[in-house]
Amino acid sequence: MPPGPIRGLRFVHTAIRNETASLADRAASIEDPAEVAALGDDFGLLADALIGHAIGEDEGYFGTLDERAGPLCAAYSQDHADEKVVLGKLAEAIASCGTADELAAIQAELAHLRDHSDAHMSREENELWPKTEELFSPPEQGGIIQAILAVIPKEQFPVLIPWIVARNPDDEAVAYVTMLSRVQPPEVFARTRTWLADGLVPAQWSMLCERVEALA
């Protein structure tokens, strides 16, 4: 069975994996608790991406899959709920870190978040995606992707889309933007193009313009 449109979620998974690993590594290298606050903005963007992705799956994907596959997704939704609690506690801890013990706790929690999110996404990729490809036609899978996007807060998109692109390797970034150019109506992709131009570093934007025909 060929890969289906549901695997378009891989671009989000790659971005989350890369950013959680990056933040965990950065935190592990910090020795002075006063330096932890510098992680705040990047952690906030990661938290927004994780929460938006969770909302999209919980409301736009899991119920549809359960209707056809039987009860399958409850544990995944619980993962999302647990993750949201962890993200809230980490945001507070990063903002107020002042002691070596608090630094050590943040370092351990970010490493746990990295491992937890990676394991969660791997289970989705190995269990939910193949089941979705088995039970849903490619157009139906495309409808699921649209349903996921429909419930993610719209104000996130101007930051979220460039964030995803920036955290994928060049070939995958090209594939992601090419996919967007094909599934979005021209007026929507024109807006996406503006977000990318504004949100990416010049070198990556230039690379995409050279390699993605729709950006030319």
C-alpha atoms as a PDB file:
ATOM      1  CA  MET A   1       0.000   0.000   0.000  1.00  0.00           C
ATOM      2  CA  PRO A   2       1.564   3.361  -1.023  1.00  0.00           C
ATOM      3  CA  PRO A   3       1.989   6.078   1.605  1.00  0.00           C
ATOM      4  CA  GLY A   4      -1.112   8.224   1.985  1.00  0.00           C
ATOM      5  CA  PRO A   5      -1.723  11.926   2.595  1.00  0.00           C
ATOM      6  CA  ILE A   6      -1.869  11.312   6.349  1.00  0.00           C
ATOM      7  CA  ARG A   7       1.913  11.103   6.243  1.00  0.00           C
ATOM      8  CA  GLY A   8       1.983  14.813   5.567  1.00  0.00           C
ATOM      9  CA  LEU A   9       1.954  15.045   9.357  1.00  0.00           C
ATOM     10  CA  ARG A  10       5.573  13.903   9.266  1.00  0.00           C
ATOM     11  CA  PHE A  11       6.742  17.470   8.688  1.00  0.00           C
ATOM     12  CA  VAL A  12       5.214  18.563  11.996  1.00  0.00           C
ATOM     13  CA  HIS A  13       6.646  15.527  13.778  1.00  0.00           C
ATOM     14  CA  THR A  14      10.126  16.243  12.424  1.00  0.00           C
ATOM     15  CA  ALA A  15       9.955  19.871  13.550  1.00  0.00           C
ATOM     16  CA  ILE A  16       8.817  18.881  17.039  1.00  0.00           C
ATOM     17  CA  ARG A  17      11.486  16.189  17.339  1.00  0.00           C
ATOM     18  CA  ASN A  18      14.238  18.533  16.251  1.00  0.00           C
ATOM     19  CA  GLU A  19      13.153  21.381  18.516  1.00  0.00           C
ATOM     20  CA  THR A  20      12.578  19.286  21.648  1.00  0.00           C
ATOM     21  CA  ALA A  21      16.021  17.721  21.158  1.00  0.00           C
ATOM     22  CA  SER A  22      17.587  21.140  20.610  1.00  0.00           C
ATOM     23  CA  LEU A  23      16.039  22.642  23.729  1.00  0.00           C
ATOM     24  CA  ALA A  24      16.937  19.618  25.857  1.00  0.00           C
ATOM     25  CA  ASP A  25      20.548  19.838  24.635  1.00  0.00           C
ATOM     26  CA  ARG A  26      20.708  23.591  25.242  1.00  0.00           C
ATOM     27  CA  ALA A  27      19.330  23.196  28.746  1.00  0.00           C
ATOM     28  CA  ALA A  28      21.807  20.409  29.529  1.00  0.00           C
ATOM     29  CA  SER A  29      24.701  22.744  28.682  1.00  0.00           C
ATOM     30  CA  ILE A  30      23.551  25.500  31.082  1.00  0.00           C
ATOM     31  CA  GLU A  31      25.423  25.815  34.371  1.00  0.00           C
ATOM     32  CA  ASP A  32      24.114  29.157  35.643  1.00  0.00           C
ATOM     33  CA  PRO A  33      20.375  29.131  36.560  1.00  0.00           C
ATOM     34  CA  ALA A  34      20.134  32.769  35.474  1.00  0.00           C
ATOM     35  CA  GLU A  35      20.740  31.667  31.870  1.00  0.00           C
ATOM     36  CA  VAL A  36      17.628  29.470  31.738  1.00  0.00           C
ATOM     37  CA  ALA A  37      15.348  32.428  31.014  1.00  0.00           C
ATOM     38  CA  ALA A  38      16.990  32.680  27.568  1.00  0.00           C
ATOM     39  CA  LEU A  39      15.142  29.476  26.629  1.00  0.00           C
ATOM     40  CA  GLY A  40      11.776  31.088  27.290  1.00  0.00           C
ATOM     41  CA  ASP A  41      10.846  32.386  23.840  1.00  0.00           C
ATOM     42  CA  ASP A  42      11.891  29.226  22.006  1.00  0.00           C
ATOM     43  CA  PHE A  43      10.161  27.053  24.581  1.00  0.00           C
ATOM     44  CA  GLY A  44       6.998  29.126  24.152  1.00  0.00           C
ATOM     45  CA  LEU A  45       7.006  28.503  20.408  1.00  0.00           C
ATOM     46  CA  LEU A  46       7.526  24.777  20.958  1.00  0.00           C
ATOM     47  CA  ALA A  47       4.682  24.682  23.490  1.00  0.00           C
ATOM     48  CA  ASP A  48       2.364  26.456  21.042  1.00  0.00           C
ATOM     49  CA  ALA A  49       3.283  23.960  18.323  1.00  0.00           C
ATOM     50  CA  LEU A  50       2.743  20.954  20.591  1.00  0.00           C
ATOM     51  CA  ILE A  51      -0.592  22.232  21.882  1.00  0.00           C
ATOM     52  CA  GLY A  52      -1.815  23.200  18.406  1.00  0.00           C
ATOM     53  CA  HIS A  53      -0.816  19.805  17.039  1.00  0.00           C
ATOM     54  CA  ALA A  54      -2.580  18.069  19.929  1.00  0.00           C
ATOM     55  CA  ILE A  55      -5.784  20.080  19.451  1.00  0.00           C
ATOM     56  CA  GLY A  56      -5.747  19.276  15.739  1.00  0.00           C
ATOM     57  CA  GLU A  57      -5.363  15.547  16.310  1.00  0.00           C
ATOM     58  CA  ASP A  58      -7.793  15.329  19.241  1.00  0.00           C
ATOM     59  CA  GLU A  59     -10.582  17.214  17.493  1.00  0.00           C
ATOM     60  CA  GLY A  60      -9.894  16.609  13.806  1.00  0.00           C
ATOM     61  CA  TYR A  61      -8.413  13.102  13.595  1.00  0.00           C
ATOM     62  CA  PHE A  62      -8.816  10.747  16.527  1.00  0.00           C
ATOM     63  CA  GLY A  63     -12.610  10.710  16.649  1.00  0.00           C
ATOM     64  CA  THR A  64     -12.836  10.023  12.924  1.00  0.00           C
ATOM     65  CA  LEU A  65     -10.342   7.181  13.196  1.00  0.00           C
ATOM     66  CA  ASP A  66     -12.090   5.653  16.218  1.00  0.00           C
ATOM     67  CA  GLU A  67     -15.431   5.666  14.377  1.00  0.00           C
ATOM     68  CA  ARG A  68     -14.012   3.371  11.724  1.00  0.00           C
ATOM     69  CA  ALA A  69     -11.274   1.469  13.571  1.00  0.00           C
ATOM     70  CA  GLY A  70     -12.891   1.041  16.975  1.00  0.00           C
ATOM     71  CA  PRO A  71     -11.463   2.514  20.204  1.00  0.00           C
ATOM     72  CA  LEU A  72      -7.839   3.160  19.403  1.00  0.00           C
ATOM     73  CA  CYS A  73      -6.920   6.722  20.275  1.00  0.00           C
ATOM     74  CA  ALA A  74      -7.793   7.259  23.948  1.00  0.00           C
ATOM     75  CA  ALA A  75      -4.214   6.707  25.093  1.00  0.00           C
ATOM     76  CA  TYR A  76      -2.958   9.232  22.547  1.00  0.00           C
ATOM     77  CA  SER A  77      -5.406  11.866  23.767  1.00  0.00           C
ATOM     78  CA  GLN A  78      -4.315  11.179  27.331  1.00  0.00           C
ATOM     79  CA  ASP A  79      -0.706  11.699  26.266  1.00  0.00           C
ATOM     80  CA  HIS A  80      -1.720  15.094  24.922  1.00  0.00           C
ATOM     81  CA  ALA A  81      -3.470  16.020  28.177  1.00  0.00           C
ATOM     82  CA  ASP A  82      -0.462  14.954  30.240  1.00  0.00           C
ATOM     83  CA  GLU A  83       1.882  16.838  27.923  1.00  0.00           C
ATOM     84  CA  LYS A  84      -0.129  20.060  28.295  1.00  0.00           C
ATOM     85  CA  VAL A  85       0.284  19.894  32.073  1.00  0.00           C
ATOM     86  CA  VAL A  86       4.037  19.362  31.714  1.00  0.00           C
ATOM     87  CA  LEU A  87       4.318  22.290  29.297  1.00  0.00           C
ATOM     88  CA  GLY A  88       2.553  24.614  31.727  1.00  0.00           C
ATOM     89  CA  LYS A  89       4.800  23.622  34.619  1.00  0.00           C
ATOM     90  CA  LEU A  90       7.923  23.953  32.485  1.00  0.00           C
ATOM     91  CA  ALA A  91       6.933  27.427  31.302  1.00  0.00           C
ATOM     92  CA  GLU A  92       6.590  28.576  34.910  1.00  0.00           C
ATOM     93  CA  ALA A  93       9.839  26.889  35.956  1.00  0.00           C
ATOM     94  CA  ILE A  94      11.851  28.395  33.094  1.00  0.00           C
ATOM     95  CA  ALA A  95      10.508  31.879  33.843  1.00  0.00           C
ATOM     96  CA  SER A  96      11.380  31.701  37.548  1.00  0.00           C
ATOM     97  CA  CYS A  97      14.484  29.499  37.693  1.00  0.00           C
ATOM     98  CA  GLY A  98      16.922  30.758  40.290  1.00  0.00           C
ATOM     99  CA  THR A  99      18.681  27.819  41.925  1.00  0.00           C
ATOM    100  CA  ALA A 100      20.845  24.888  40.910  1.00  0.00           C
ATOM    101  CA  ASP A 101      18.130  22.459  41.997  1.00  0.00           C
ATOM    102  CA  GLU A 102      15.528  24.233  39.856  1.00  0.00           C
ATOM    103  CA  LEU A 103      17.932  24.166  36.909  1.00  0.00           C
ATOM    104  CA  ALA A 104      18.486  20.430  37.353  1.00  0.00           C
ATOM    105  CA  ALA A 105      14.733  19.842  37.468  1.00  0.00           C
ATOM    106  CA  ILE A 106      14.210  21.807  34.241  1.00  0.00           C
ATOM    107  CA  GLN A 107      17.008  19.902  32.526  1.00  0.00           C
ATOM    108  CA  ALA A 108      15.467  16.574  33.569  1.00  0.00           C
ATOM    109  CA  GLU A 109      11.948  17.643  32.544  1.00  0.00           C
ATOM    110  CA  LEU A 110      13.041  18.846  29.099  1.00  0.00           C
ATOM    111  CA  ALA A 111      14.864  15.556  28.525  1.00  0.00           C
ATOM    112  CA  HIS A 112      11.694  13.741  29.572  1.00  0.00           C
ATOM    113  CA  LEU A 113       9.583  15.892  27.229  1.00  0.00           C
ATOM    114  CA  ARG A 114      11.952  15.057  24.363  1.00  0.00           C
ATOM    115  CA  ASP A 115      11.735  11.319  25.036  1.00  0.00           C
ATOM    116  CA  HIS A 116       7.990  11.344  25.706  1.00  0.00           C
ATOM    117  CA  SER A 117       7.040  13.295  22.584  1.00  0.00           C
ATOM    118  CA  ASP A 118       9.340  11.194  20.412  1.00  0.00           C
ATOM    119  CA  ALA A 119       7.833   7.948  21.720  1.00  0.00           C
ATOM    120  CA  HIS A 120       4.294   9.309  21.327  1.00  0.00           C
ATOM    121  CA  MET A 121       4.868  10.380  17.729  1.00  0.00           C
ATOM    122  CA  SER A 122       6.610   7.098  16.889  1.00  0.00           C
ATOM    123  CA  ARG A 123       3.543   5.205  18.103  1.00  0.00           C
ATOM    124  CA  GLU A 124       1.322   7.389  15.958  1.00  0.00           C
ATOM    125  CA  GLU A 125       3.521   6.764  12.926  1.00  0.00           C
ATOM    126  CA  ASN A 126       3.696   3.013  13.476  1.00  0.00           C
ATOM    127  CA  GLU A 127       0.107   2.359  14.583  1.00  0.00           C
ATOM    128  CA  LEU A 128      -2.271   5.157  13.639  1.00  0.00           C
ATOM    129  CA  TRP A 129      -0.933   6.122  10.232  1.00  0.00           C
ATOM    130  CA  PRO A 130      -0.923   2.586   8.770  1.00  0.00           C
ATOM    131  CA  LYS A 131      -4.432   2.015  10.171  1.00  0.00           C
ATOM    132  CA  THR A 132      -5.567   5.274   8.607  1.00  0.00           C
ATOM    133  CA  GLU A 133      -4.095   4.263   5.241  1.00  0.00           C
ATOM    134  CA  GLU A 134      -5.830   0.893   5.521  1.00  0.00           C
ATOM    135  CA  LEU A 135      -9.273   2.275   6.334  1.00  0.00           C
ATOM    136  CA  PHE A 136      -9.410   5.642   4.558  1.00  0.00           C
ATOM    137  CA  SER A 137      -8.980   6.470   0.875  1.00  0.00           C
ATOM    138  CA  PRO A 138      -6.446   9.154  -0.090  1.00  0.00           C
ATOM    139  CA  PRO A 139      -9.202  11.786  -0.508  1.00  0.00           C
ATOM    140  CA  GLU A 140     -10.581  10.846   2.910  1.00  0.00           C
ATOM    141  CA  GLN A 141      -7.115  11.183   4.417  1.00  0.00           C
ATOM    142  CA  GLY A 142      -6.872  14.601   2.814  1.00  0.00           C
ATOM    143  CA  GLY A 143     -10.149  15.453   4.518  1.00  0.00           C
ATOM    144  CA  ILE A 144      -8.675  14.426   7.866  1.00  0.00           C
ATOM    145  CA  ILE A 145      -5.702  16.734   7.301  1.00  0.00           C
ATOM    146  CA  GLN A 146      -8.106  19.569   6.499  1.00  0.00           C
ATOM    147  CA  ALA A 147     -10.093  18.789   9.656  1.00  0.00           C
ATOM    148  CA  ILE A 148      -6.901  18.940  11.729  1.00  0.00           C
ATOM    149  CA  LEU A 149      -5.972  22.303  10.252  1.00  0.00           C
ATOM    150  CA  ALA A 150      -9.492  23.648  10.735  1.00  0.00           C
ATOM    151  CA  VAL A 151      -9.358  23.411  14.529  1.00  0.00           C
ATOM    152  CA  ILE A 152      -5.823  24.722  15.098  1.00  0.00           C
ATOM    153  CA  PRO A 153      -6.086  28.355  16.270  1.00  0.00           C
ATOM    154  CA  LYS A 154      -5.736  30.499  13.152  1.00  0.00           C
ATOM    155  CA  GLU A 155      -3.559  33.064  14.865  1.00  0.00           C
ATOM    156  CA  GLN A 156      -0.834  30.405  15.159  1.00  0.00           C
ATOM    157  CA  PHE A 157      -0.364  29.879  11.442  1.00  0.00           C
ATOM    158  CA  PRO A 158       1.774  32.949  10.578  1.00  0.00           C
ATOM    159  CA  VAL A 159       4.379  31.699  13.073  1.00  0.00           C
ATOM    160  CA  LEU A 160       3.683  27.950  13.012  1.00  0.00           C
ATOM    161  CA  ILE A 161       4.198  27.332   9.297  1.00  0.00           C
ATOM    162  CA  PRO A 162       7.629  29.048   9.094  1.00  0.00           C
ATOM    163  CA  TRP A 163       8.530  27.339  12.393  1.00  0.00           C
ATOM    164  CA  ILE A 164       7.834  23.920  10.862  1.00  0.00           C
ATOM    165  CA  VAL A 165       9.762  24.731   7.688  1.00  0.00           C
ATOM    166  CA  ALA A 166      12.781  26.053   9.585  1.00  0.00           C
ATOM    167  CA  ARG A 167      13.071  22.866  11.653  1.00  0.00           C
ATOM    168  CA  ASN A 168      12.984  20.430   8.743  1.00  0.00           C
ATOM    169  CA  PRO A 169      16.019  19.489   6.621  1.00  0.00           C
ATOM    170  CA  ASP A 170      16.143  21.322   3.298  1.00  0.00           C
ATOM    171  CA  ASP A 171      14.727  18.458   1.209  1.00  0.00           C
ATOM    172  CA  GLU A 172      11.825  17.979   3.606  1.00  0.00           C
ATOM    173  CA  ALA A 173      11.227  21.737   3.814  1.00  0.00           C
ATOM    174  CA  VAL A 174      10.971  21.796   0.028  1.00  0.00           C
ATOM    175  CA  ALA A 175       8.566  18.836   0.095  1.00  0.00           C
ATOM    176  CA  TYR A 176       6.417  20.511   2.766  1.00  0.00           C
ATOM    177  CA  VAL A 177       6.146  23.856   0.980  1.00  0.00           C
ATOM    178  CA  THR A 178       5.484  22.070  -2.317  1.00  0.00           C
ATOM    179  CA  MET A 179       2.671  20.124  -0.642  1.00  0.00           C
ATOM    180  CA  LEU A 180       1.175  23.344   0.718  1.00  0.00           C
ATOM    181  CA  SER A 181       1.313  24.923  -2.727  1.00  0.00           C
ATOM    182  CA  ARG A 182      -0.672  22.008  -4.161  1.00  0.00           C
ATOM    183  CA  VAL A 183      -3.365  21.652  -1.498  1.00  0.00           C
ATOM    184  CA  GLN A 184      -4.006  25.317  -0.708  1.00  0.00           C
ATOM    185  CA  PRO A 185      -6.096  27.552  -2.976  1.00  0.00           C
ATOM    186  CA  PRO A 186      -3.953  30.191  -4.706  1.00  0.00           C
ATOM    187  CA  GLU A 187      -5.133  33.022  -2.459  1.00  0.00           C
ATOM    188  CA  VAL A 188      -4.361  30.970   0.665  1.00  0.00           C
ATOM    189  CA  PHE A 189      -0.926  29.954  -0.583  1.00  0.00           C
ATOM    190  CA  ALA A 190      -0.187  33.604  -1.396  1.00  0.00           C
ATOM    191  CA  ARG A 191      -0.720  34.353   2.297  1.00  0.00           C
ATOM    192  CA  THR A 192       1.454  31.373   3.259  1.00  0.00           C
ATOM    193  CA  ARG A 193       4.167  32.696   0.947  1.00  0.00           C
ATOM    194  CA  THR A 194       4.146  36.002   2.827  1.00  0.00           C
ATOM    195  CA  TRP A 195       4.426  34.222   6.179  1.00  0.00           C
ATOM    196  CA  LEU A 196       7.401  32.223   4.923  1.00  0.00           C
ATOM    197  CA  ALA A 197       9.149  35.261   3.482  1.00  0.00           C
ATOM    198  CA  ASP A 198       8.706  37.121   6.764  1.00  0.00           C
ATOM    199  CA  GLY A 199       9.454  34.209   9.116  1.00  0.00           C
ATOM    200  CA  LEU A 200      12.452  32.420   7.605  1.00  0.00           C
ATOM    201  CA  VAL A 201      16.097  33.418   7.643  1.00  0.00           C
ATOM    202  CA  PRO A 202      17.165  34.815   4.244  1.00  0.00           C
ATOM    203  CA  ALA A 203      19.300  31.790   3.313  1.00  0.00           C
ATOM    204  CA  GLN A 204      16.460  29.300   3.760  1.00  0.00           C
ATOM    205  CA  TRP A 205      13.944  31.549   2.021  1.00  0.00           C
ATOM    206  CA  SER A 206      16.311  31.880  -0.945  1.00  0.00           C
ATOM    207  CA  MET A 207      16.800  28.115  -1.056  1.00  0.00           C
ATOM    208  CA  LEU A 208      13.037  27.554  -1.138  1.00  0.00           C
ATOM    209  CA  CYS A 209      12.533  30.151  -3.863  1.00  0.00           C
ATOM    210  CA  GLU A 210      15.119  28.344  -5.990  1.00  0.00           C
ATOM    211  CA  ARG A 211      13.646  24.884  -5.439  1.00  0.00           C
ATOM    212  CA  VAL A 212       9.874  25.367  -5.088  1.00  0.00           C
ATOM    213  CA  GLU A 213       8.323  26.344  -8.403  1.00  0.00           C
ATOM    214  CA  ALA A 214       5.256  27.938  -6.800  1.00  0.00           C
ATOM    215  CA  LEU A 215       7.457  30.459  -4.958  1.00  0.00           C
ATOM    216  CA  ALA A 216       9.180  31.719  -8.087  1.00  0.00           C
END
